C-alpha atoms as a PDB file:
ATOM      1  CA  MET A   1      -0.026  -0.015  -0.053  1.00  0.00           C
ATOM      2  CA  VAL A   2       1.302   3.454  -0.983  1.00  0.00           C
ATOM      3  CA  ILE A   3       0.954   5.959   1.928  1.00  0.00           C
ATOM      4  CA  GLU A   4       0.524   9.466   0.370  1.00  0.00           C
ATOM      5  CA  LYS A   5      -0.439  11.317   3.562  1.00  0.00           C
ATOM      6  CA  PRO A   6       0.338  10.546   7.162  1.00  0.00           C
ATOM      7  CA  LEU A   7      -2.258   9.426   9.683  1.00  0.00           C
ATOM      8  CA  ALA A   8      -2.592  11.291  12.874  1.00  0.00           C
ATOM      9  CA  ILE A   9      -3.078   9.541  16.351  1.00  0.00           C
ATOM     10  CA  THR A  10      -4.169  11.937  19.033  1.00  0.00           C
ATOM     11  CA  MET A  11      -2.599  11.233  22.368  1.00  0.00           C
ATOM     12  CA  GLY A  12      -5.611  11.235  24.440  1.00  0.00           C
ATOM     13  CA  ASP A  13      -5.612  11.941  28.192  1.00  0.00           C
ATOM     14  CA  ALA A  14      -1.967  12.024  29.475  1.00  0.00           C
ATOM     15  CA  ALA A  15      -3.231  10.461  32.749  1.00  0.00           C
ATOM     16  CA  GLY A  16      -4.701   7.543  31.091  1.00  0.00           C
ATOM     17  CA  ILE A  17      -3.555   4.549  29.011  1.00  0.00           C
ATOM     18  CA  GLY A  18      -3.631   6.456  25.700  1.00  0.00           C
ATOM     19  CA  PRO A  19       0.176   7.147  25.460  1.00  0.00           C
ATOM     20  CA  GLU A  20       1.023   3.763  26.603  1.00  0.00           C
ATOM     21  CA  ILE A  21      -1.049   1.799  24.024  1.00  0.00           C
ATOM     22  CA  ILE A  22       0.182   4.278  21.405  1.00  0.00           C
ATOM     23  CA  ALA A  23       3.812   3.495  22.145  1.00  0.00           C
ATOM     24  CA  LYS A  24       2.990  -0.302  22.210  1.00  0.00           C
ATOM     25  CA  ALA A  25       1.335  -0.067  18.924  1.00  0.00           C
ATOM     26  CA  PHE A  26       4.460   1.439  17.330  1.00  0.00           C
ATOM     27  CA  ARG A  27       6.578  -1.162  19.045  1.00  0.00           C
ATOM     28  CA  ASP A  28       4.505  -4.208  18.297  1.00  0.00           C
ATOM     29  CA  ALA A  29       2.723  -3.369  15.023  1.00  0.00           C
ATOM     30  CA  PRO A  30       5.254  -1.357  12.801  1.00  0.00           C
ATOM     31  CA  GLU A  31       3.520  -2.514   9.578  1.00  0.00           C
ATOM     32  CA  VAL A  32       0.329  -0.970  10.917  1.00  0.00           C
ATOM     33  CA  THR A  33       1.833   2.236  12.331  1.00  0.00           C
ATOM     34  CA  ARG A  34       3.984   2.917   9.241  1.00  0.00           C
ATOM     35  CA  GLY A  35       3.081   6.600   8.108  1.00  0.00           C
ATOM     36  CA  CYS A  36       1.512   7.460  11.432  1.00  0.00           C
ATOM     37  CA  PHE A  37       2.453  10.020  13.903  1.00  0.00           C
ATOM     38  CA  VAL A  38       1.212  11.200  17.384  1.00  0.00           C
ATOM     39  CA  VAL A  39      -0.236  14.475  18.021  1.00  0.00           C
ATOM     40  CA  GLY A  40       0.603  15.173  21.652  1.00  0.00           C
ATOM     41  CA  ASP A  41       3.356  15.931  24.213  1.00  0.00           C
ATOM     42  CA  VAL A  42       6.860  14.658  23.744  1.00  0.00           C
ATOM     43  CA  VAL A  43       7.651  14.212  27.552  1.00  0.00           C
ATOM     44  CA  THR A  44       4.338  12.375  28.024  1.00  0.00           C
ATOM     45  CA  LEU A  45       5.095   9.986  25.249  1.00  0.00           C
ATOM     46  CA  ARG A  46       8.689   9.478  26.325  1.00  0.00           C
ATOM     47  CA  ARG A  47       7.344   8.421  29.708  1.00  0.00           C
ATOM     48  CA  ALA A  48       5.159   5.894  27.989  1.00  0.00           C
ATOM     49  CA  THR A  49       8.066   4.420  26.217  1.00  0.00           C
ATOM     50  CA  GLN A  50       9.981   4.073  29.282  1.00  0.00           C
ATOM     51  CA  LEU A  51       6.928   2.411  30.920  1.00  0.00           C
ATOM     52  CA  ILE A  52       6.747  -0.327  28.383  1.00  0.00           C
ATOM     53  CA  ARG A  53      10.446  -1.013  28.042  1.00  0.00           C
ATOM     54  CA  ARG A  54      10.955  -4.695  28.320  1.00  0.00           C
ATOM     55  CA  GLU A  55      13.886  -6.036  30.323  1.00  0.00           C
ATOM     56  CA  GLY A  56      17.107  -6.141  28.577  1.00  0.00           C
ATOM     57  CA  GLU A  57      15.801  -4.000  25.633  1.00  0.00           C
ATOM     58  CA  PRO A  58      16.700  -0.374  25.025  1.00  0.00           C
ATOM     59  CA  VAL A  59      14.062   2.248  25.392  1.00  0.00           C
ATOM     60  CA  GLN A  60      11.973   2.833  22.182  1.00  0.00           C
ATOM     61  CA  PRO A  61      13.249   5.687  20.191  1.00  0.00           C
ATOM     62  CA  LEU A  62      11.225   8.791  19.825  1.00  0.00           C
ATOM     63  CA  LEU A  63      11.429  11.453  17.191  1.00  0.00           C
ATOM     64  CA  GLN A  64       9.908  14.950  17.472  1.00  0.00           C
ATOM     65  CA  LEU A  65       8.366  16.239  14.206  1.00  0.00           C
ATOM     66  CA  ASP A  66       8.322  19.661  12.939  1.00  0.00           C
ATOM     67  CA  GLN A  67       5.569  18.930  10.493  1.00  0.00           C
ATOM     68  CA  ALA A  68       3.172  16.111   9.803  1.00  0.00           C
ATOM     69  CA  ALA A  69       4.628  15.245   6.387  1.00  0.00           C
ATOM     70  CA  GLU A  70       7.923  14.130   8.140  1.00  0.00           C
ATOM     71  CA  ALA A  71       6.280  11.004   9.634  1.00  0.00           C
ATOM     72  CA  LEU A  72       6.180   9.283   6.152  1.00  0.00           C
ATOM     73  CA  ALA A  73      10.118   8.893   6.533  1.00  0.00           C
ATOM     74  CA  VAL A  74      10.239   7.765   9.967  1.00  0.00           C
ATOM     75  CA  PRO A  75      11.795   4.341  10.557  1.00  0.00           C
ATOM     76  CA  PRO A  76       9.791   1.403  12.013  1.00  0.00           C
ATOM     77  CA  ASN A  77       9.363   1.054  15.905  1.00  0.00           C
ATOM     78  CA  CYS A  78      10.188   4.905  16.345  1.00  0.00           C
ATOM     79  CA  VAL A  79       7.513   6.901  17.778  1.00  0.00           C
ATOM     80  CA  PRO A  80       7.138  10.232  15.869  1.00  0.00           C
ATOM     81  CA  VAL A  81       5.569  13.014  17.901  1.00  0.00           C
ATOM     82  CA  LEU A  82       4.374  16.450  16.677  1.00  0.00           C
ATOM     83  CA  GLN A  83       4.415  18.629  19.918  1.00  0.00           C
ATOM     84  CA  VAL A  84       1.045  20.507  20.202  1.00  0.00           C
ATOM     85  CA  GLU A  85       1.559  21.856  23.824  1.00  0.00           C
ATOM     86  CA  ALA A  86       3.567  20.781  26.773  1.00  0.00           C
ATOM     87  CA  LEU A  87       2.231  19.996  30.131  1.00  0.00           C
ATOM     88  CA  ALA A  88       3.713  22.111  33.055  1.00  0.00           C
ATOM     89  CA  ALA A  89       4.296  18.779  34.926  1.00  0.00           C
ATOM     90  CA  PRO A  90       3.768  15.192  34.113  1.00  0.00           C
ATOM     91  CA  ALA A  91       0.129  14.207  34.574  1.00  0.00           C
ATOM     92  CA  PRO A  92      -0.294  11.891  37.614  1.00  0.00           C
ATOM     93  CA  PHE A  93      -1.617   8.449  36.346  1.00  0.00           C
ATOM     94  CA  GLY A  94      -5.255   7.784  37.148  1.00  0.00           C
ATOM     95  CA  HIS A  95      -6.406  11.124  38.245  1.00  0.00           C
ATOM     96  CA  ILE A  96      -8.596  13.633  36.609  1.00  0.00           C
ATOM     97  CA  SER A  97      -6.628  16.731  35.485  1.00  0.00           C
ATOM     98  CA  ALA A  98      -7.958  19.871  33.843  1.00  0.00           C
ATOM     99  CA  GLU A  99      -4.659  20.441  32.176  1.00  0.00           C
ATOM    100  CA  ALA A 100      -4.443  16.896  30.704  1.00  0.00           C
ATOM    101  CA  GLY A 101      -8.083  17.379  29.596  1.00  0.00           C
ATOM    102  CA  ARG A 102      -7.235  20.655  27.872  1.00  0.00           C
ATOM    103  CA  LEU A 103      -4.274  19.004  26.072  1.00  0.00           C
ATOM    104  CA  ALA A 104      -6.166  16.082  24.936  1.00  0.00           C
ATOM    105  CA  GLY A 105      -8.852  18.497  23.434  1.00  0.00           C
ATOM    106  CA  ARG A 106      -6.259  20.683  21.904  1.00  0.00           C
ATOM    107  CA  CYS A 107      -4.763  17.624  20.122  1.00  0.00           C
ATOM    108  CA  VAL A 108      -7.956  16.585  18.740  1.00  0.00           C
ATOM    109  CA  VAL A 109      -8.670  20.087  17.314  1.00  0.00           C
ATOM    110  CA  TRP A 110      -5.296  20.252  15.819  1.00  0.00           C
ATOM    111  CA  ALA A 111      -5.667  16.890  14.052  1.00  0.00           C
ATOM    112  CA  ALA A 112      -9.390  17.766  12.881  1.00  0.00           C
ATOM    113  CA  GLN A 113      -8.167  20.960  11.510  1.00  0.00           C
ATOM    114  CA  ALA A 114      -5.184  19.341   9.727  1.00  0.00           C
ATOM    115  CA  ALA A 115      -7.486  16.645   8.231  1.00  0.00           C
ATOM    116  CA  LEU A 116     -10.026  19.211   7.056  1.00  0.00           C
ATOM    117  CA  ARG A 117      -7.279  21.248   5.283  1.00  0.00           C
ATOM    118  CA  GLY A 118      -6.141  18.001   3.578  1.00  0.00           C
ATOM    119  CA  GLU A 119      -2.698  17.822   5.241  1.00  0.00           C
ATOM    120  CA  ILE A 120      -3.213  14.514   6.649  1.00  0.00           C
ATOM    121  CA  ALA A 121      -5.201  11.421   5.763  1.00  0.00           C
ATOM    122  CA  GLY A 122      -7.316  11.215   8.866  1.00  0.00           C
ATOM    123  CA  LEU A 123      -7.036  10.829  12.611  1.00  0.00           C
ATOM    124  CA  VAL A 124      -7.279   7.913  15.153  1.00  0.00           C
ATOM    125  CA  THR A 125      -8.117   9.180  18.583  1.00  0.00           C
ATOM    126  CA  ALA A 126      -6.769   7.716  21.726  1.00  0.00           C
ATOM    127  CA  PRO A 127      -9.255   7.809  24.781  1.00  0.00           C
ATOM    128  CA  LEU A 128      -9.843  11.097  26.421  1.00  0.00           C
ATOM    129  CA  HIS A 129     -11.497  11.408  29.853  1.00  0.00           C
ATOM    130  CA  LYS A 130     -14.891  13.272  29.559  1.00  0.00           C
ATOM    131  CA  GLU A 131     -14.775  14.738  33.183  1.00  0.00           C
ATOM    132  CA  ALA A 132     -11.050  15.962  32.525  1.00  0.00           C
ATOM    133  CA  LEU A 133     -12.306  17.524  29.305  1.00  0.00           C
ATOM    134  CA  SER A 134     -15.118  19.196  30.979  1.00  0.00           C
ATOM    135  CA  ALA A 135     -12.880  20.384  33.761  1.00  0.00           C
ATOM    136  CA  ALA A 136     -10.734  22.074  31.183  1.00  0.00           C
ATOM    137  CA  GLY A 137     -13.243  24.800  30.661  1.00  0.00           C
ATOM    138  CA  ALA A 138     -14.125  26.720  27.296  1.00  0.00           C
ATOM    139  CA  PRO A 139     -14.339  25.692  24.772  1.00  0.00           C
ATOM    140  CA  PHE A 140     -13.949  21.928  25.734  1.00  0.00           C
ATOM    141  CA  ASP A 141     -16.632  21.786  28.356  1.00  0.00           C
ATOM    142  CA  ALA A 142     -19.266  22.241  25.776  1.00  0.00           C
ATOM    143  CA  PHE A 143     -18.602  18.813  24.332  1.00  0.00           C
ATOM    144  CA  PRO A 144     -19.506  15.482  25.893  1.00  0.00           C
ATOM    145  CA  GLY A 145     -16.692  13.678  23.968  1.00  0.00           C
ATOM    146  CA  HIS A 146     -14.836  13.278  20.726  1.00  0.00           C
ATOM    147  CA  THR A 147     -17.750  13.060  18.352  1.00  0.00           C
ATOM    148  CA  GLU A 148     -19.315  16.285  19.266  1.00  0.00           C
ATOM    149  CA  LEU A 149     -16.028  18.060  19.321  1.00  0.00           C
ATOM    150  CA  LEU A 150     -15.128  16.779  15.836  1.00  0.00           C
ATOM    151  CA  GLN A 151     -18.671  17.653  14.469  1.00  0.00           C
ATOM    152  CA  ALA A 152     -18.406  21.227  15.822  1.00  0.00           C
ATOM    153  CA  GLU A 153     -14.899  21.626  14.202  1.00  0.00           C
ATOM    154  CA  ALA A 154     -16.089  20.213  10.879  1.00  0.00           C
ATOM    155  CA  ALA A 155     -19.219  22.229  10.897  1.00  0.00           C
ATOM    156  CA  ALA A 156     -17.312  25.497  11.552  1.00  0.00           C
ATOM    157  CA  TYR A 157     -14.677  24.671   8.793  1.00  0.00           C
ATOM    158  CA  GLN A 158     -17.510  24.265   6.320  1.00  0.00           C
ATOM    159  CA  GLY A 159     -19.368  27.288   7.469  1.00  0.00           C
ATOM    160  CA  LYS A 160     -22.452  25.185   8.721  1.00  0.00           C
ATOM    161  CA  THR A 161     -24.216  24.906  11.910  1.00  0.00           C
ATOM    162  CA  VAL A 162     -23.835  21.741  13.914  1.00  0.00           C
ATOM    163  CA  ALA A 163     -27.388  20.791  12.913  1.00  0.00           C
ATOM    164  CA  GLU A 164     -26.447  21.058   9.292  1.00  0.00           C
ATOM    165  CA  LEU A 165     -23.735  18.423   9.703  1.00  0.00           C
ATOM    166  CA  PRO A 166     -25.326  15.395  11.503  1.00  0.00           C
ATOM    167  CA  VAL A 167     -22.991  12.679  12.515  1.00  0.00           C
ATOM    168  CA  ARG A 168     -23.532   9.214  13.973  1.00  0.00           C
ATOM    169  CA  MET A 169     -21.201   6.743  15.915  1.00  0.00           C
ATOM    170  CA  MET A 170     -20.709   3.313  14.645  1.00  0.00           C
ATOM    171  CA  LEU A 171     -19.097   0.678  16.672  1.00  0.00           C
ATOM    172  CA  ALA A 172     -17.621  -2.325  14.827  1.00  0.00           C
ATOM    173  CA  ASN A 173     -15.601  -5.557  15.060  1.00  0.00           C
ATOM    174  CA  ASP A 174     -15.151  -8.544  12.949  1.00  0.00           C
ATOM    175  CA  GLU A 175     -18.515  -9.840  13.811  1.00  0.00           C
ATOM    176  CA  LEU A 176     -20.862  -6.926  14.355  1.00  0.00           C
ATOM    177  CA  ARG A 177     -21.592  -3.289  13.338  1.00  0.00           C
ATOM    178  CA  THR A 178     -23.969  -0.924  15.133  1.00  0.00           C
ATOM    179  CA  VAL A 179     -24.871   2.734  14.511  1.00  0.00           C
ATOM    180  CA  LEU A 180     -26.545   4.803  17.200  1.00  0.00           C
ATOM    181  CA  VAL A 181     -29.527   7.140  16.738  1.00  0.00           C
ATOM    182  CA  SER A 182     -28.429   9.077  19.793  1.00  0.00           C
ATOM    183  CA  ILE A 183     -24.967   8.946  21.590  1.00  0.00           C
ATOM    184  CA  HIS A 184     -24.082  10.754  24.845  1.00  0.00           C
ATOM    185  CA  VAL A 185     -27.285  11.899  26.381  1.00  0.00           C
ATOM    186  CA  SER A 186     -29.407  10.576  29.297  1.00  0.00           C
ATOM    187  CA  LEU A 187     -31.706   7.647  28.810  1.00  0.00           C
ATOM    188  CA  ARG A 188     -34.625   9.944  29.176  1.00  0.00           C
ATOM    189  CA  GLN A 189     -33.305  12.231  26.456  1.00  0.00           C
ATOM    190  CA  ALA A 190     -32.369   9.258  24.237  1.00  0.00           C
ATOM    191  CA  ILE A 191     -36.015   8.090  24.220  1.00  0.00           C
ATOM    192  CA  GLU A 192     -36.979  11.716  23.248  1.00  0.00           C
ATOM    193  CA  ALA A 193     -34.459  11.559  20.543  1.00  0.00           C
ATOM    194  CA  VAL A 194     -36.207   8.741  18.851  1.00  0.00           C
ATOM    195  CA  THR A 195     -38.032  10.859  16.242  1.00  0.00           C
ATOM    196  CA  HIS A 196     -38.932  10.279  12.661  1.00  0.00           C
ATOM    197  CA  ASP A 197     -36.364  12.633  11.387  1.00  0.00           C
ATOM    198  CA  ASN A 198     -33.571  11.323  13.559  1.00  0.00           C
ATOM    199  CA  VAL A 199     -34.302   7.629  12.744  1.00  0.00           C
ATOM    200  CA  LEU A 200     -34.435   8.428   8.978  1.00  0.00           C
ATOM    201  CA  GLN A 201     -31.387  10.669   9.157  1.00  0.00           C
ATOM    202  CA  THR A 202     -29.433   7.687  10.779  1.00  0.00           C
ATOM    203  CA  LEU A 203     -30.520   5.318   8.241  1.00  0.00           C
ATOM    204  CA  ARG A 204     -29.283   7.649   5.440  1.00  0.00           C
ATOM    205  CA  ILE A 205     -25.949   8.389   7.163  1.00  0.00           C
ATOM    206  CA  THR A 206     -25.380   4.609   7.628  1.00  0.00           C
ATOM    207  CA  HIS A 207     -26.216   3.768   3.994  1.00  0.00           C
ATOM    208  CA  ALA A 208     -23.979   6.418   2.617  1.00  0.00           C
ATOM    209  CA  ALA A 209     -21.117   5.465   4.783  1.00  0.00           C
ATOM    210  CA  LEU A 210     -21.168   1.614   4.218  1.00  0.00           C
ATOM    211  CA  ARG A 211     -22.145   1.520   0.639  1.00  0.00           C
ATOM    212  CA  PRO A 212     -18.551   2.429  -0.565  1.00  0.00           C
ATOM    213  CA  VAL A 213     -16.881   0.165   2.055  1.00  0.00           C
ATOM    214  CA  LEU A 214     -19.030  -2.864   1.170  1.00  0.00           C
ATOM    215  CA  GLY A 215     -19.294  -2.158  -2.615  1.00  0.00           C
ATOM    216  CA  ARG A 216     -23.017  -2.634  -2.547  1.00  0.00           C
ATOM    217  CA  VAL A 217     -26.257  -1.478  -0.795  1.00  0.00           C
ATOM    218  CA  PRO A 218     -25.835  -2.448   2.968  1.00  0.00           C
ATOM    219  CA  ARG A 219     -28.433  -4.564   4.665  1.00  0.00           C
ATOM    220  CA  ILE A 220     -29.636  -2.552   7.670  1.00  0.00           C
ATOM    221  CA  GLY A 221     -31.491  -4.070  10.563  1.00  0.00           C
ATOM    222  CA  VAL A 222     -33.150  -1.724  12.908  1.00  0.00           C
ATOM    223  CA  ALA A 223     -33.797  -2.299  16.507  1.00  0.00           C
ATOM    224  CA  GLY A 224     -37.003  -1.286  18.094  1.00  0.00           C
ATOM    225  CA  LEU A 225     -36.969   0.906  21.073  1.00  0.00           C
ATOM    226  CA  ASN A 226     -39.241  -1.122  23.282  1.00  0.00           C
ATOM    227  CA  PRO A 227     -39.171  -4.776  24.461  1.00  0.00           C
ATOM    228  CA  HIS A 228     -40.107  -7.154  21.492  1.00  0.00           C
ATOM    229  CA  ALA A 229     -40.178  -3.959  19.314  1.00  0.00           C
ATOM    230  CA  GLY A 230     -43.279  -2.853  21.130  1.00  0.00           C
ATOM    231  CA  GLU A 231     -45.414  -6.092  20.560  1.00  0.00           C
ATOM    232  CA  GLY A 232     -47.863  -4.396  18.242  1.00  0.00           C
ATOM    233  CA  GLY A 233     -48.366  -1.528  20.563  1.00  0.00           C
ATOM    234  CA  LEU A 234     -48.746  -3.371  23.685  1.00  0.00           C
ATOM    235  CA  PHE A 235     -45.449  -2.223  25.078  1.00  0.00           C
ATOM    236  CA  GLY A 236     -45.275   1.130  23.579  1.00  0.00           C
ATOM    237  CA  ARG A 237     -46.154   2.793  20.243  1.00  0.00           C
ATOM    238  CA  GLU A 238     -42.907   4.380  19.181  1.00  0.00           C
ATOM    239  CA  GLU A 239     -42.281   1.566  16.579  1.00  0.00           C
ATOM    240  CA  ILE A 240     -45.709   2.028  14.950  1.00  0.00           C
ATOM    241  CA  GLU A 241     -45.852   5.847  15.198  1.00  0.00           C
ATOM    242  CA  ILE A 242     -42.301   6.761  14.511  1.00  0.00           C
ATOM    243  CA  ILE A 243     -39.830   3.879  13.509  1.00  0.00           C
ATOM    244  CA  MET A 244     -41.941   2.234  10.959  1.00  0.00           C
ATOM    245  CA  PRO A 245     -42.901   5.287   9.033  1.00  0.00           C
ATOM    246  CA  ALA A 246     -39.102   6.301   8.934  1.00  0.00           C
ATOM    247  CA  LEU A 247     -38.307   2.908   7.556  1.00  0.00           C
ATOM    248  CA  ALA A 248     -41.085   3.086   5.084  1.00  0.00           C
ATOM    249  CA  GLN A 249     -39.610   6.326   3.705  1.00  0.00           C
ATOM    250  CA  ALA A 250     -36.035   4.992   3.812  1.00  0.00           C
ATOM    251  CA  ARG A 251     -37.179   2.066   1.595  1.00  0.00           C
ATOM    252  CA  GLY A 252     -38.703   4.526  -0.831  1.00  0.00           C
ATOM    253  CA  GLU A 253     -35.441   6.101  -1.215  1.00  0.00           C
ATOM    254  CA  GLY A 254     -33.841   2.800  -2.172  1.00  0.00           C
ATOM    255  CA  LEU A 255     -32.409   1.682   1.212  1.00  0.00           C
ATOM    256  CA  ASP A 256     -32.395  -1.910   2.178  1.00  0.00           C
ATOM    257  CA  VAL A 257     -33.962  -1.626   5.706  1.00  0.00           C
ATOM    258  CA  HIS A 258     -35.617  -4.231   7.887  1.00  0.00           C
ATOM    259  CA  GLY A 259     -37.563  -3.941  11.193  1.00  0.00           C
ATOM    260  CA  PRO A 260     -38.247  -2.530  13.590  1.00  0.00           C
ATOM    261  CA  LEU A 261     -37.053  -5.933  15.177  1.00  0.00           C
ATOM    262  CA  ALA A 262     -36.876  -7.104  18.721  1.00  0.00           C
ATOM    263  CA  PRO A 263     -33.856  -5.616  20.299  1.00  0.00           C
ATOM    264  CA  ASP A 264     -32.872  -8.764  22.297  1.00  0.00           C
ATOM    265  CA  THR A 265     -32.413 -10.784  19.058  1.00  0.00           C
ATOM    266  CA  VAL A 266     -31.442  -8.455  16.203  1.00  0.00           C
ATOM    267  CA  PHE A 267     -27.930  -8.348  17.086  1.00  0.00           C
ATOM    268  CA  MET A 268     -27.673 -12.150  17.021  1.00  0.00           C
ATOM    269  CA  ARG A 269     -29.229 -12.147  13.639  1.00  0.00           C
ATOM    270  CA  ALA A 270     -26.643  -9.419  12.438  1.00  0.00           C
ATOM    271  CA  ARG A 271     -23.592 -11.207  13.814  1.00  0.00           C
ATOM    272  CA  ALA A 272     -20.977 -12.908  11.515  1.00  0.00           C
ATOM    273  CA  HIS A 273     -19.990 -16.276  13.057  1.00  0.00           C
ATOM    274  CA  ASP A 274     -17.784 -19.216  11.972  1.00  0.00           C
ATOM    275  CA  GLY A 275     -16.989 -17.578   8.690  1.00  0.00           C
ATOM    276  CA  GLN A 276     -20.720 -16.902   7.771  1.00  0.00           C
ATOM    277  CA  PRO A 277     -21.933 -13.507   7.311  1.00  0.00           C
ATOM    278  CA  GLY A 278     -24.939 -12.330   9.421  1.00  0.00           C
ATOM    279  CA  GLU A 279     -28.426 -11.454   8.094  1.00  0.00           C
ATOM    280  CA  PHE A 280     -27.578  -7.808   8.201  1.00  0.00           C
ATOM    281  CA  ASP A 281     -24.335  -5.805   7.650  1.00  0.00           C
ATOM    282  CA  VAL A 282     -25.282  -3.412  10.357  1.00  0.00           C
ATOM    283  CA  VAL A 283     -27.852  -2.779  13.094  1.00  0.00           C
ATOM    284  CA  VAL A 284     -29.103   0.658  13.676  1.00  0.00           C
ATOM    285  CA  ALA A 285     -29.863   0.979  17.595  1.00  0.00           C
ATOM    286  CA  MET A 286     -32.047   3.474  19.230  1.00  0.00           C
ATOM    287  CA  TYR A 287     -29.637   4.615  22.014  1.00  0.00           C
ATOM    288  CA  HIS A 288     -26.208   4.192  23.171  1.00  0.00           C
ATOM    289  CA  ASP A 289     -26.208   1.188  25.546  1.00  0.00           C
ATOM    290  CA  GLN A 290     -28.648  -0.749  23.371  1.00  0.00           C
ATOM    291  CA  GLY A 291     -26.014  -0.713  20.554  1.00  0.00           C
ATOM    292  CA  LEU A 292     -22.713  -0.795  22.331  1.00  0.00           C
ATOM    293  CA  ILE A 293     -23.296  -3.475  24.890  1.00  0.00           C
ATOM    294  CA  PRO A 294     -23.530  -6.355  22.154  1.00  0.00           C
ATOM    295  CA  VAL A 295     -20.482  -5.303  20.412  1.00  0.00           C
ATOM    296  CA  LYS A 296     -18.328  -4.871  23.606  1.00  0.00           C
ATOM    297  CA  TYR A 297     -19.530  -8.212  24.844  1.00  0.00           C
ATOM    298  CA  LEU A 298     -17.932  -9.775  21.949  1.00  0.00           C
ATOM    299  CA  GLY A 299     -14.538  -8.328  22.864  1.00  0.00           C
ATOM    300  CA  VAL A 300     -13.300  -4.748  23.638  1.00  0.00           C
ATOM    301  CA  ASP A 301      -9.905  -5.604  22.201  1.00  0.00           C
ATOM    302  CA  LYS A 302     -11.456  -5.975  18.559  1.00  0.00           C
ATOM    303  CA  GLY A 303     -13.947  -3.027  18.828  1.00  0.00           C
ATOM    304  CA  VAL A 304     -13.381   0.330  16.837  1.00  0.00           C
ATOM    305  CA  ASN A 305     -15.449   3.346  17.037  1.00  0.00           C
ATOM    306  CA  VAL A 306     -16.062   5.263  13.763  1.00  0.00           C
ATOM    307  CA  THR A 307     -17.668   8.641  13.399  1.00  0.00           C
ATOM    308  CA  LEU A 308     -20.030   8.582  10.318  1.00  0.00           C
ATOM    309  CA  GLY A 309     -21.172  11.744   8.605  1.00  0.00           C
ATOM    310  CA  LEU A 310     -17.870  13.852   8.905  1.00  0.00           C
ATOM    311  CA  PRO A 311     -15.889  15.065   5.929  1.00  0.00           C
ATOM    312  CA  LEU A 312     -12.831  13.259   7.395  1.00  0.00           C
ATOM    313  CA  VAL A 313     -11.985   9.755   8.565  1.00  0.00           C
ATOM    314  CA  ARG A 314     -12.007   9.330  12.362  1.00  0.00           C
ATOM    315  CA  THR A 315     -11.752   6.024  14.280  1.00  0.00           C
ATOM    316  CA  SER A 316     -10.922   5.261  17.922  1.00  0.00           C
ATOM    317  CA  PRO A 317     -10.393   2.231  20.186  1.00  0.00           C
ATOM    318  CA  ASP A 318     -13.467   0.811  21.828  1.00  0.00           C
ATOM    319  CA  HIS A 319     -12.594   1.726  25.442  1.00  0.00           C
ATOM    320  CA  GLY A 320     -11.838   4.643  27.653  1.00  0.00           C
ATOM    321  CA  THR A 321      -8.860   5.967  29.505  1.00  0.00           C
ATOM    322  CA  ALA A 322      -8.768   3.068  32.012  1.00  0.00           C
ATOM    323  CA  PHE A 323      -7.505   5.084  34.915  1.00  0.00           C
ATOM    324  CA  ASP A 324      -7.486   1.930  37.077  1.00  0.00           C
ATOM    325  CA  VAL A 325      -4.558   0.421  35.191  1.00  0.00           C
ATOM    326  CA  ALA A 326      -2.885   3.608  33.839  1.00  0.00           C
ATOM    327  CA  GLY A 327       0.875   3.565  34.624  1.00  0.00           C
ATOM    328  CA  THR A 328       1.000  -0.171  35.400  1.00  0.00           C
ATOM    329  CA  GLY A 329       2.166  -1.136  31.805  1.00  0.00           C
ATOM    330  CA  ARG A 330      -0.595  -3.644  31.509  1.00  0.00           C
ATOM    331  CA  ALA A 331      -2.700  -1.841  28.912  1.00  0.00           C
ATOM    332  CA  ASP A 332      -3.747  -3.635  25.768  1.00  0.00           C
ATOM    333  CA  ALA A 333      -3.080  -1.901  22.457  1.00  0.00           C
ATOM    334  CA  ALA A 334      -5.277  -4.344  20.331  1.00  0.00           C
ATOM    335  CA  SER A 335      -8.240  -2.147  20.044  1.00  0.00           C
ATOM    336  CA  LEU A 336      -6.043   0.832  18.853  1.00  0.00           C
ATOM    337  CA  ILE A 337      -4.223  -1.149  16.412  1.00  0.00           C
ATOM    338  CA  GLU A 338      -7.517  -2.416  14.987  1.00  0.00           C
ATOM    339  CA  ALA A 339      -8.668   1.399  14.922  1.00  0.00           C
ATOM    340  CA  ILE A 340      -5.648   2.204  12.820  1.00  0.00           C
ATOM    341  CA  ARG A 341      -6.356  -0.760  10.505  1.00  0.00           C
ATOM    342  CA  MET A 342      -9.921   0.547  10.136  1.00  0.00           C
ATOM    343  CA  ALA A 343      -8.974   3.870   9.317  1.00  0.00           C
ATOM    344  CA  ARG A 344      -6.652   2.595   6.476  1.00  0.00           C
ATOM    345  CA  ARG A 345      -9.504   0.594   5.105  1.00  0.00           C
ATOM    346  CA  LEU A 346     -11.814   3.495   4.962  1.00  0.00           C
ATOM    347  CA  LEU A 347      -9.093   5.633   3.378  1.00  0.00           C
ATOM    348  CA  ASP A 348      -8.529   3.153   0.582  1.00  0.00           C
END
């Protein structure tokens, strides 16, 4: 594969496992990380390379870049870092820090703007901590997480309002893909977000994102909101009054959609297993936990988060900052490596 532009990996929260898994990815998967670079803080990444050093082996080399394009010529196993901003002092592992939250946010903004300008191929985001991001203050306290921050940056770049650039979260592994109608809101707000327009918009975004990846029209299974998908109105009428009309309109537009289906079985029907494809290519879920629990149950180490609807490629590992293991050297880089692979596939 010819790599024409570098791929950015944002450092994530310096107090979490992001820097560690990034260093491990460059050490253990040099063929995957070729042409990648880290957007972050040199001192924090150097601490990570020292943390993961194996007995009898030298510390992993680190190279500070002046510009992103230099990443294309960096030798394997070396960690290339583009310094965005330095921390006043090393972030204590496993503790919420406003300074670490601000740096994590600054890294994401830098990478998003570089991708929007066409200077980099896309970005893979290591985990940030939502409380630390909020503690960082304006402008980061306005965003619950990566998805909303990236949406705002992309909308501003295109001269649009956030509402004019709808995005959705997809979580995927080798066995299952799910896309969410709502993301980081309370359960009460998530139920209120199940509207005709939101469901239809989710179906359109999912169709548009997966069609070029699959090379054909994706088969979309749609989960109901209520148990048994409402059981004909006995357990709620959202399926009848909201979801079914949205599906009918989507079918009229040429989308291959099925449902609404019982939420407790639709994921099993969509799951690829023993080399056999599932009944659906993706499941549209009505809210965060409904869609993410099934994918995460199959293995956090293989899950990848993809933001659909952005004018750039963004993926991330399927886990958080893991403050409980930060600084121990035990963090697993598998999901980050899968996220880099996924970004490459989306860029092909």
